[in-house]
Amino acid sequence: MNREFFINILFLVAINLLIKPFYLFGIDRTVQNVVDPGAYGLYFALFNFTFLFQIVNDLGIQYFNNRNIAQHRQLLDKYFPHMLVLKGVLALVFLLLLAAFALLSGYRVALLPLIVLLGFNQVLSSLILFLRSNISGLGLYRTDSMISALDRLLLIFIGGALLLIPGVRRQFQIEWFVLAQSGSLALTAVTAYGVVRRRLRSLRFRWRPAFWRLILRQSLPYAAVIFLMTVYTRIDGVMIERLSSNGLIEADLYASAYRLLDAANVIGFLFAGLLFPMFARMLNQPAAIGSLLRLSLPLLWAGAGALAASVFFFRTEIMVALYTSGGAYSGWILAWLMLSFVAITGSYIYGTLLSAQGALRAMNIISLGGVILNIGLNCWLIEHYQALGAAAATCLTQFGVFFAQLLTARRKMRLQVHPRMIFKILLFFSTLIILNYLLSQFVTGVWWWRFIAGMAAGLGMAFLLKMIDLRYLFALLRQKEEAWELE
């Protein structure tokens, strides 16, 4: 299992490092720089607003389906058609609720078409994730990896074509960007559906409310986890726009820094998507779970720590280089968000483990605590520190959630503590801080060379401390395939 995990992580990283960062910094960043000040901030706030209601569009079906198909692949023909019809019904309910709550929340009627269009994109996104849950549940991990980046690849071509035409670029509207997203998501959904359809022996759509109720009773605990996690990770953008004295501009600055966190999160999110079906198949194999944890956590933190430390110490230079509005203030927003990245990557491991093992009551309690902490901190910090306060609230919340998940996983699954690994991780992070501080304060030269040197030194330390153990990884590659079905 470790061998397959490592091979697929290499494949995931290769695909997504080529495509998703290019989209975020080549297309998404350019859109923010060319539209009017505050326009992207409005888009960011509305996107997060629609995301808060995304749970209605899914109700935990994706996670339930991924876990269920990974364990019982023969059920695909039985479940898939009914779930697809259910997804359509939920999508209609989601769009109606979204429009109603937008008006009740005080958004102008003129913004309703943009909100509904963003909601439609959320429907397509949810459909793609559902289709991918079937693909990964069937063990088609590499196909799933390619589809995971397809919408961004298409958006690079569509958005790039629009931005390269001088006349269009000068008059570019944020609504065009949202429409380009709709096209790329629709094409990706069609592609993913084609992959699943080839694995079905038959496909008969039926109106089966009784079957839907059966599925929803089992998936609703996942829905509660997802909803609560969505609130404490996405409500900050909405609260900045609503609570800040200069809402749109502050949301704009927050979004510019959050983009880098989004880019960094690409690999962690993919780790979680790959680990979930693997953990689900290890329900009665604690030794195998421990082995996979010892491989995945140091591997993920080696990259996350090196990136977070370098970005923290070169925060202002990065924001000035990327954005016309970049400066020391937005640099500190970035610093807080990148610190939270370390905790987020830890949650991708332990939160995924708890969900895959069915510890949903514990996950819901932890996530509810995250919501209460995040909203409370945002209400206090946004009033005093604007977007910078929201970034600090995000960081504190993510670390609180991570430590709660770590302790819960250890207690519920009797995971062993390895003092040597803890010592390596502490030494690694301490060395990173010292190295990057010295590079930023006492070494002269172009800043980005020093930034790259800090990243390289961090990764070098990870190899030296064997957080990334090349001999072990190459040994995994040489092992024979395990007996379970692989693509």
Protein backbone atom coordinates (compact mmCIF):
# COMPACT_ATOMS: atom_id res chain seq x y z
CA MET A 1 0.00 0.00 0.00
CA ASN A 2 2.85 2.41 0.81
CA ARG A 3 4.37 1.70 -2.59
CA GLU A 4 1.15 2.58 -4.41
CA PHE A 5 0.73 5.69 -2.26
CA PHE A 6 4.22 6.93 -3.10
CA ILE A 7 3.90 6.24 -6.85
CA ASN A 8 0.59 8.07 -7.05
CA ILE A 9 1.83 11.00 -4.97
CA LEU A 10 4.71 11.44 -7.43
CA PHE A 11 2.19 11.40 -10.28
CA LEU A 12 -0.13 13.84 -8.50
CA VAL A 13 2.67 16.26 -7.69
CA ALA A 14 4.03 16.18 -11.24
CA ILE A 15 0.65 16.97 -12.80
CA ASN A 16 -0.53 19.55 -10.31
CA LEU A 17 2.75 21.42 -9.91
CA LEU A 18 2.76 21.92 -13.66
CA ILE A 19 -0.82 23.11 -14.00
CA LYS A 20 -2.45 24.52 -10.84
CA PRO A 21 0.23 27.04 -9.77
CA PHE A 22 0.44 28.25 -13.37
CA TYR A 23 -3.31 28.84 -13.31
CA LEU A 24 -3.25 30.62 -9.93
CA PHE A 25 -0.37 32.94 -10.76
CA GLY A 26 -0.70 33.18 -14.53
CA ILE A 27 -4.48 33.53 -14.85
CA ASP A 28 -6.13 34.13 -11.47
CA ARG A 29 -3.52 36.66 -10.32
CA THR A 30 -3.58 38.47 -13.67
CA VAL A 31 -7.37 38.78 -13.48
CA GLN A 32 -7.07 40.42 -10.05
CA ASN A 33 -4.47 42.85 -11.36
CA VAL A 34 -6.43 43.91 -14.48
CA VAL A 35 -9.95 44.33 -13.06
CA ASP A 36 -11.00 47.43 -11.12
CA PRO A 37 -9.83 47.72 -7.46
CA GLY A 38 -12.23 45.85 -5.21
CA ALA A 39 -13.80 43.82 -8.06
CA TYR A 40 -11.81 40.72 -7.23
CA GLY A 41 -12.47 41.30 -3.53
CA LEU A 42 -16.21 41.21 -4.29
CA TYR A 43 -15.76 38.02 -6.32
CA PHE A 44 -13.76 36.45 -3.47
CA ALA A 45 -16.41 37.34 -0.87
CA LEU A 46 -19.28 36.07 -3.06
CA PHE A 47 -17.38 32.88 -3.92
CA ASN A 48 -16.89 32.16 -0.21
CA PHE A 49 -20.55 33.00 0.43
CA THR A 50 -21.69 30.41 -2.13
CA PHE A 51 -19.20 27.92 -0.70
CA LEU A 52 -20.86 28.15 2.72
CA PHE A 53 -24.01 26.58 1.22
CA GLN A 54 -22.14 23.95 -0.78
CA ILE A 55 -23.04 21.28 1.76
CA VAL A 56 -26.68 21.42 0.56
CA ASN A 57 -25.34 20.50 -2.88
CA ASP A 58 -23.66 17.35 -1.55
CA LEU A 59 -24.87 16.35 1.96
CA GLY A 60 -21.79 14.18 2.47
CA ILE A 61 -22.46 11.99 -0.57
CA GLN A 62 -18.94 12.36 -1.95
CA TYR A 63 -17.15 11.15 1.20
CA PHE A 64 -19.71 8.40 1.86
CA ASN A 65 -19.46 7.23 -1.74
CA ASN A 66 -15.64 7.29 -1.82
CA ARG A 67 -15.44 5.20 1.34
CA ASN A 68 -18.23 2.83 0.28
CA ILE A 69 -16.97 2.18 -3.28
CA ALA A 70 -13.39 1.73 -2.04
CA GLN A 71 -14.62 -1.05 0.25
CA HIS A 72 -17.33 -2.54 -2.03
CA ARG A 73 -16.53 -1.80 -5.67
CA GLN A 74 -19.26 -4.12 -6.94
CA LEU A 75 -21.90 -1.63 -5.71
CA LEU A 76 -21.05 0.99 -8.35
CA ASP A 77 -23.83 -0.12 -10.75
CA LYS A 78 -26.40 -0.08 -7.95
CA TYR A 79 -25.51 3.24 -6.34
CA PHE A 80 -24.27 5.48 -9.14
CA PRO A 81 -27.53 6.16 -11.08
CA HIS A 82 -29.55 6.86 -7.94
CA MET A 83 -26.89 9.15 -6.51
CA LEU A 84 -26.60 11.06 -9.78
CA VAL A 85 -30.35 11.80 -9.80
CA LEU A 86 -30.14 12.77 -6.11
CA LYS A 87 -27.26 15.14 -6.93
CA GLY A 88 -29.50 16.85 -9.51
CA VAL A 89 -32.30 17.36 -6.98
CA LEU A 90 -29.88 18.71 -4.37
CA ALA A 91 -28.38 21.10 -6.95
CA LEU A 92 -31.78 22.71 -7.56
CA VAL A 93 -32.42 23.06 -3.82
CA PHE A 94 -28.94 24.55 -3.37
CA LEU A 95 -29.43 27.22 -6.04
CA LEU A 96 -32.84 28.25 -4.66
CA LEU A 97 -31.51 28.50 -1.09
CA LEU A 98 -28.46 30.40 -2.27
CA ALA A 99 -30.56 33.05 -4.05
CA ALA A 100 -32.90 33.39 -1.06
CA PHE A 101 -30.12 33.75 1.53
CA ALA A 102 -28.23 36.20 -0.70
CA LEU A 103 -31.20 38.54 -0.65
CA LEU A 104 -31.78 38.00 3.09
CA SER A 105 -28.09 38.77 3.76
CA GLY A 106 -28.44 42.21 2.20
CA TYR A 107 -26.69 41.67 -1.14
CA ARG A 108 -28.01 43.92 -3.91
CA VAL A 109 -30.46 42.42 -6.43
CA ALA A 110 -28.03 43.47 -9.17
CA LEU A 111 -25.50 40.97 -7.75
CA LEU A 112 -27.94 38.05 -7.89
CA PRO A 113 -27.00 36.86 -11.43
CA LEU A 114 -23.31 36.71 -10.45
CA ILE A 115 -24.15 34.86 -7.21
CA VAL A 116 -26.30 32.30 -9.07
CA LEU A 117 -23.59 31.82 -11.70
CA LEU A 118 -21.03 31.21 -8.96
CA GLY A 119 -23.53 28.78 -7.42
CA PHE A 120 -23.84 26.96 -10.75
CA ASN A 121 -20.06 26.59 -10.79
CA GLN A 122 -20.26 25.09 -7.31
CA VAL A 123 -22.81 22.57 -8.66
CA LEU A 124 -20.39 21.58 -11.43
CA SER A 125 -17.50 21.39 -8.95
CA SER A 126 -19.52 19.15 -6.63
CA LEU A 127 -20.51 16.93 -9.56
CA ILE A 128 -16.86 16.54 -10.57
CA LEU A 129 -15.87 15.60 -7.01
CA PHE A 130 -18.68 13.04 -6.88
CA LEU A 131 -17.58 11.52 -10.19
CA ARG A 132 -13.97 11.50 -8.99
CA SER A 133 -15.01 9.76 -5.75
CA ASN A 134 -16.20 6.86 -7.93
CA ILE A 135 -13.00 6.92 -9.97
CA SER A 136 -10.68 6.88 -6.93
CA GLY A 137 -12.94 4.40 -5.12
CA LEU A 138 -12.40 2.02 -8.05
CA GLY A 139 -8.63 2.36 -7.60
CA LEU A 140 -8.14 4.45 -10.76
CA TYR A 141 -5.86 6.85 -8.91
CA ARG A 142 -3.84 8.07 -11.87
CA THR A 143 -6.94 8.78 -13.94
CA ASP A 144 -8.35 10.67 -10.94
CA SER A 145 -5.09 12.64 -10.71
CA MET A 146 -5.36 13.76 -14.33
CA ILE A 147 -9.01 14.78 -13.97
CA SER A 148 -8.16 16.70 -10.78
CA ALA A 149 -6.15 19.19 -12.86
CA LEU A 150 -8.21 19.18 -16.06
CA ASP A 151 -10.53 22.09 -15.20
CA ARG A 152 -7.56 24.33 -14.40
CA LEU A 153 -5.80 23.30 -17.61
CA LEU A 154 -8.87 24.22 -19.65
CA LEU A 155 -9.23 27.51 -17.77
CA ILE A 156 -5.60 28.35 -18.57
CA PHE A 157 -6.41 28.08 -22.28
CA ILE A 158 -9.76 29.92 -22.09
CA GLY A 159 -8.66 32.63 -19.66
CA GLY A 160 -5.26 32.97 -21.30
CA ALA A 161 -6.86 33.54 -24.70
CA LEU A 162 -9.04 36.33 -23.28
CA LEU A 163 -6.21 38.02 -21.38
CA LEU A 164 -3.81 37.92 -24.33
CA ILE A 165 -6.12 39.99 -26.56
CA PRO A 166 -5.21 43.64 -25.74
CA GLY A 167 -8.70 45.04 -26.35
CA VAL A 168 -10.36 42.38 -24.20
CA ARG A 169 -7.73 42.67 -21.44
CA ARG A 170 -8.30 46.43 -21.08
CA GLN A 171 -12.06 45.94 -20.61
CA PHE A 172 -11.90 42.65 -18.70
CA GLN A 173 -14.82 42.06 -16.34
CA ILE A 174 -14.88 39.67 -13.39
CA GLU A 175 -18.06 38.13 -14.84
CA TRP A 176 -16.06 36.92 -17.86
CA PHE A 177 -13.72 35.08 -15.54
CA VAL A 178 -16.67 33.34 -13.85
CA LEU A 179 -18.11 32.33 -17.25
CA ALA A 180 -14.73 30.91 -18.29
CA GLN A 181 -14.79 28.81 -15.10
CA SER A 182 -18.25 27.52 -16.04
CA GLY A 183 -17.02 26.31 -19.43
CA SER A 184 -13.94 24.56 -18.07
CA LEU A 185 -15.88 22.87 -15.25
CA ALA A 186 -18.60 21.65 -17.63
CA LEU A 187 -16.05 20.04 -19.98
CA THR A 188 -14.28 18.39 -17.02
CA ALA A 189 -17.58 17.00 -15.68
CA VAL A 190 -18.36 15.47 -19.09
CA THR A 191 -14.89 13.87 -19.19
CA ALA A 192 -15.19 12.42 -15.67
CA TYR A 193 -18.66 11.09 -16.44
CA GLY A 194 -17.27 9.32 -19.52
CA VAL A 195 -14.65 7.54 -17.37
CA VAL A 196 -17.25 6.29 -14.88
CA ARG A 197 -19.72 5.34 -17.60
CA ARG A 198 -17.22 2.93 -19.17
CA ARG A 199 -17.02 1.06 -15.84
CA LEU A 200 -20.79 0.57 -15.58
CA ARG A 201 -22.45 -2.56 -16.92
CA SER A 202 -25.79 -0.74 -17.11
CA LEU A 203 -27.20 2.70 -16.36
CA ARG A 204 -30.88 3.14 -15.47
CA PHE A 205 -32.04 6.38 -13.89
CA ARG A 206 -34.96 6.02 -11.49
CA TRP A 207 -36.90 8.23 -9.10
CA ARG A 208 -36.25 6.40 -5.80
CA PRO A 209 -36.83 8.69 -2.77
CA ALA A 210 -36.75 5.70 -0.37
CA PHE A 211 -33.26 4.78 -1.60
CA TRP A 212 -32.17 8.42 -1.29
CA ARG A 213 -33.30 8.50 2.33
CA LEU A 214 -31.24 5.38 3.02
CA ILE A 215 -28.14 6.97 1.47
CA LEU A 216 -28.67 10.32 3.19
CA ARG A 217 -29.04 8.71 6.63
CA GLN A 218 -25.55 7.27 6.16
CA SER A 219 -24.00 10.32 4.49
CA LEU A 220 -25.38 13.09 6.74
CA PRO A 221 -22.70 12.65 9.42
CA TYR A 222 -20.11 13.33 6.69
CA ALA A 223 -22.21 16.32 5.60
CA ALA A 224 -22.05 17.83 9.08
CA VAL A 225 -18.24 17.50 9.15
CA ILE A 226 -17.89 19.07 5.71
CA PHE A 227 -20.27 21.92 6.53
CA LEU A 228 -18.50 22.83 9.77
CA MET A 229 -15.07 22.63 8.11
CA THR A 230 -16.34 24.84 5.29
CA VAL A 231 -17.57 27.46 7.76
CA TYR A 232 -14.29 27.83 9.66
CA THR A 233 -12.20 27.85 6.46
CA ARG A 234 -14.40 30.03 4.22
CA ILE A 235 -16.37 32.45 6.37
CA ASP A 236 -13.38 34.78 6.80
CA GLY A 237 -13.75 36.23 3.29
CA VAL A 238 -17.45 36.92 3.87
CA MET A 239 -16.87 38.45 7.32
CA ILE A 240 -14.13 40.77 6.05
CA GLU A 241 -16.43 42.14 3.34
CA ARG A 242 -19.34 42.49 5.79
CA LEU A 243 -17.53 43.72 8.96
CA SER A 244 -14.54 45.72 7.75
CA SER A 245 -14.83 49.49 7.38
CA ASN A 246 -13.23 49.18 3.92
CA GLY A 247 -14.67 45.76 3.07
CA LEU A 248 -14.04 45.31 -0.65
CA ILE A 249 -10.44 46.57 -0.58
CA GLU A 250 -9.59 44.54 2.55
CA ALA A 251 -11.18 41.45 0.97
CA ASP A 252 -9.13 42.16 -2.16
CA LEU A 253 -5.89 42.21 -0.15
CA TYR A 254 -6.86 39.10 1.80
CA ALA A 255 -7.68 37.27 -1.46
CA SER A 256 -4.29 38.20 -2.92
CA ALA A 257 -2.52 36.54 0.02
CA TYR A 258 -4.99 33.64 0.22
CA ARG A 259 -4.13 32.74 -3.37
CA LEU A 260 -0.67 31.64 -2.25
CA LEU A 261 -2.21 29.49 0.48
CA ASP A 262 -4.50 28.00 -2.17
CA ALA A 263 -1.50 27.23 -4.35
CA ALA A 264 0.33 25.59 -1.45
CA ASN A 265 -2.78 23.61 -0.50
CA VAL A 266 -2.88 21.88 -3.87
CA ILE A 267 -0.56 19.08 -2.78
CA GLY A 268 -2.10 18.66 0.70
CA PHE A 269 -5.61 18.43 -0.73
CA LEU A 270 -4.45 15.80 -3.22
CA PHE A 271 -2.72 13.87 -0.42
CA ALA A 272 -6.05 13.77 1.44
CA GLY A 273 -7.96 12.63 -1.65
CA LEU A 274 -5.48 9.81 -2.21
CA LEU A 275 -5.23 8.80 1.46
CA PHE A 276 -8.98 8.63 2.13
CA PRO A 277 -9.77 5.44 0.14
CA MET A 278 -6.49 3.88 1.31
CA PHE A 279 -7.27 4.52 4.99
CA ALA A 280 -10.82 3.25 4.37
CA ARG A 281 -9.42 -0.06 3.14
CA MET A 282 -7.29 -0.40 6.30
CA LEU A 283 -10.11 -0.45 8.87
CA ASN A 284 -8.69 -3.51 10.64
CA GLN A 285 -5.00 -2.97 9.92
CA PRO A 286 -3.56 -0.60 12.59
CA ALA A 287 0.02 -1.56 11.69
CA ALA A 288 -0.56 -0.59 8.05
CA ILE A 289 -2.17 2.70 9.11
CA GLY A 290 0.81 3.52 11.32
CA SER A 291 3.22 2.73 8.49
CA LEU A 292 1.34 4.96 6.05
CA LEU A 293 1.22 7.79 8.62
CA ARG A 294 4.99 7.57 9.22
CA LEU A 295 5.54 7.87 5.47
CA SER A 296 2.98 10.57 4.64
CA LEU A 297 3.25 13.08 7.52
CA PRO A 298 7.04 13.73 7.41
CA LEU A 299 6.91 13.73 3.60
CA LEU A 300 4.15 16.35 3.54
CA TRP A 301 5.66 18.48 6.32
CA ALA A 302 9.07 18.51 4.65
CA GLY A 303 7.63 20.46 1.73
CA ALA A 304 5.09 22.45 3.78
CA GLY A 305 7.65 23.55 6.36
CA ALA A 306 10.27 24.58 3.81
CA LEU A 307 7.72 26.62 1.85
CA ALA A 308 6.02 28.23 4.87
CA ALA A 309 9.30 29.33 6.49
CA SER A 310 10.70 30.86 3.28
CA VAL A 311 7.44 32.67 2.47
CA PHE A 312 7.20 34.02 6.04
CA PHE A 313 10.62 35.69 5.93
CA PHE A 314 10.26 37.04 2.36
CA ARG A 315 6.56 37.94 2.67
CA THR A 316 6.72 41.60 1.62
CA GLU A 317 9.02 40.99 -1.35
CA ILE A 318 6.66 38.28 -2.63
CA MET A 319 3.54 40.44 -2.40
CA VAL A 320 5.22 43.45 -4.03
CA ALA A 321 6.49 41.27 -6.88
CA LEU A 322 3.08 39.65 -7.52
CA TYR A 323 0.56 42.47 -7.08
CA THR A 324 0.20 46.12 -7.92
CA SER A 325 -1.35 46.56 -4.42
CA GLY A 326 1.35 44.50 -2.63
CA GLY A 327 3.16 45.90 0.41
CA ALA A 328 4.18 45.26 4.02
CA TYR A 329 0.56 45.04 5.22
CA SER A 330 -0.49 42.37 2.72
CA GLY A 331 2.86 40.69 3.42
CA TRP A 332 1.87 40.15 7.06
CA ILE A 333 -1.50 38.77 5.94
CA LEU A 334 0.43 36.28 3.83
CA ALA A 335 2.73 35.43 6.76
CA TRP A 336 -0.16 34.46 9.06
CA LEU A 337 -1.86 32.43 6.33
CA MET A 338 1.31 30.52 5.47
CA LEU A 339 1.88 29.67 9.13
CA SER A 340 -1.60 28.13 9.12
CA PHE A 341 -0.51 26.01 6.14
CA VAL A 342 1.59 23.79 8.42
CA ALA A 343 -1.46 23.02 10.57
CA ILE A 344 -3.69 22.52 7.52
CA THR A 345 -1.34 19.90 6.07
CA GLY A 346 -1.37 18.05 9.40
CA SER A 347 -5.19 18.10 9.31
CA TYR A 348 -5.13 16.67 5.80
CA ILE A 349 -3.48 13.58 7.31
CA TYR A 350 -5.24 13.14 10.67
CA GLY A 351 -8.62 14.59 9.68
CA THR A 352 -8.69 12.28 6.67
CA LEU A 353 -7.77 9.32 8.87
CA LEU A 354 -10.58 10.04 11.35
CA SER A 355 -13.14 10.49 8.55
CA ALA A 356 -12.06 7.33 6.73
CA GLN A 357 -12.27 5.32 9.96
CA GLY A 358 -15.80 6.58 10.61
CA ALA A 359 -14.99 8.68 13.72
CA LEU A 360 -17.54 11.27 12.61
CA ARG A 361 -18.89 12.24 16.03
CA ALA A 362 -15.39 13.24 17.12
CA MET A 363 -14.79 15.08 13.84
CA ASN A 364 -18.05 17.00 14.25
CA ILE A 365 -17.20 18.03 17.81
CA ILE A 366 -13.72 19.20 16.72
CA SER A 367 -15.10 21.06 13.70
CA LEU A 368 -17.83 22.74 15.76
CA GLY A 369 -15.12 23.93 18.12
CA GLY A 370 -13.24 25.29 15.09
CA VAL A 371 -16.33 27.21 13.94
CA ILE A 372 -16.94 28.78 17.36
CA LEU A 373 -13.27 29.72 17.74
CA ASN A 374 -12.97 31.13 14.21
CA ILE A 375 -16.14 33.23 14.26
CA GLY A 376 -15.32 34.57 17.72
CA LEU A 377 -11.78 35.51 16.73
CA ASN A 378 -12.94 37.06 13.45
CA CYS A 379 -15.57 39.21 15.18
CA TRP A 380 -12.91 40.57 17.53
CA LEU A 381 -9.84 40.75 15.28
CA ILE A 382 -11.45 42.06 12.06
CA GLU A 383 -12.83 45.05 13.97
CA HIS A 384 -9.35 45.96 15.25
CA TYR A 385 -6.99 44.68 12.53
CA GLN A 386 -9.15 44.25 9.39
CA ALA A 387 -7.92 41.53 6.97
CA LEU A 388 -4.76 40.99 9.04
CA GLY A 389 -6.97 40.02 11.98
CA ALA A 390 -8.85 37.49 9.83
CA ALA A 391 -5.53 35.92 8.79
CA ALA A 392 -4.47 35.59 12.44
CA ALA A 393 -7.85 34.05 13.28
CA THR A 394 -7.39 31.50 10.49
CA CYS A 395 -3.95 30.53 11.78
CA LEU A 396 -5.05 30.09 15.40
CA THR A 397 -8.14 28.11 14.37
CA GLN A 398 -6.24 25.74 12.08
CA PHE A 399 -3.66 24.92 14.75
CA GLY A 400 -6.40 24.32 17.32
CA VAL A 401 -8.25 21.96 14.99
CA PHE A 402 -5.07 20.09 14.01
CA PHE A 403 -3.98 19.40 17.59
CA ALA A 404 -7.48 18.22 18.48
CA GLN A 405 -7.50 15.83 15.50
CA LEU A 406 -4.03 14.54 16.31
CA LEU A 407 -4.89 13.78 19.95
CA THR A 408 -8.23 12.20 18.99
CA ALA A 409 -6.66 9.95 16.35
CA ARG A 410 -3.98 8.81 18.80
CA ARG A 411 -6.57 7.99 21.46
CA LYS A 412 -9.14 6.28 19.23
CA MET A 413 -6.72 4.22 17.15
CA ARG A 414 -4.03 3.66 19.78
CA LEU A 415 -1.36 5.05 17.48
CA GLN A 416 2.13 4.77 18.87
CA VAL A 417 4.21 7.87 19.60
CA HIS A 418 7.65 7.80 18.00
CA PRO A 419 9.93 10.18 19.97
CA ARG A 420 12.59 9.99 17.26
CA MET A 421 10.17 11.27 14.61
CA ILE A 422 8.96 14.07 16.91
CA PHE A 423 12.58 15.10 17.57
CA LYS A 424 13.30 15.13 13.83
CA ILE A 425 10.29 17.32 13.11
CA LEU A 426 11.12 19.81 15.90
CA LEU A 427 14.76 19.99 14.80
CA PHE A 428 13.66 20.45 11.20
CA PHE A 429 11.37 23.41 11.95
CA SER A 430 13.87 25.05 14.31
CA THR A 431 16.61 24.85 11.68
CA LEU A 432 14.27 26.25 9.02
CA ILE A 433 13.50 29.33 11.11
CA ILE A 434 17.18 30.05 11.84
CA LEU A 435 18.31 29.50 8.24
CA ASN A 436 15.63 31.71 6.71
CA TYR A 437 16.15 34.45 9.31
CA LEU A 438 19.87 34.56 8.49
CA LEU A 439 19.18 34.61 4.75
CA SER A 440 16.64 37.42 5.04
CA GLN A 441 18.61 39.63 7.47
CA PHE A 442 22.33 39.07 6.92
CA VAL A 443 22.76 37.85 3.33
CA THR A 444 22.75 40.36 0.49
CA GLY A 445 21.64 39.85 -3.10
CA VAL A 446 18.43 39.50 -5.08
CA TRP A 447 15.65 38.45 -2.71
CA TRP A 448 14.31 35.58 -4.81
CA TRP A 449 17.72 33.89 -4.87
CA ARG A 450 17.74 33.98 -1.08
CA PHE A 451 14.14 32.71 -1.04
CA ILE A 452 15.07 29.75 -3.26
CA ALA A 453 18.17 29.11 -1.14
CA GLY A 454 15.98 28.92 1.98
CA MET A 455 13.64 26.46 0.27
CA ALA A 456 16.53 24.34 -0.97
CA ALA A 457 18.21 24.34 2.46
CA GLY A 458 14.93 23.25 4.06
CA LEU A 459 14.49 20.36 1.66
CA GLY A 460 18.15 19.46 2.16
CA MET A 461 17.55 19.28 5.90
CA ALA A 462 14.54 17.03 5.30
CA PHE A 463 16.76 14.58 3.38
CA LEU A 464 19.52 14.84 5.97
CA LEU A 465 17.09 14.07 8.82
CA LYS A 466 15.50 11.31 6.71
CA MET A 467 12.07 12.92 6.84
CA ILE A 468 12.31 12.13 3.14
CA ASP A 469 14.08 8.76 3.18
CA LEU A 470 15.22 8.10 -0.38
CA ARG A 471 16.40 4.55 0.31
CA TYR A 472 12.99 3.63 1.74
CA LEU A 473 11.13 5.31 -1.12
CA PHE A 474 13.24 3.63 -3.80
CA ALA A 475 12.74 0.31 -2.00
CA LEU A 476 8.99 0.86 -2.25
CA LEU A 477 9.31 1.46 -5.98
CA ARG A 478 11.16 -1.83 -6.40
CA GLN A 479 8.55 -3.86 -4.55
CA LYS A 480 6.09 -5.96 -6.50
CA GLU A 481 2.48 -4.83 -6.86
CA GLU A 482 0.22 -5.82 -4.01
CA ALA A 483 -2.62 -8.20 -4.69
CA TRP A 484 -5.44 -5.66 -4.57
CA GLU A 485 -6.78 -4.27 -7.84
CA LEU A 486 -4.84 -1.38 -9.32
CA GLU A 487 -5.26 0.53 -12.52
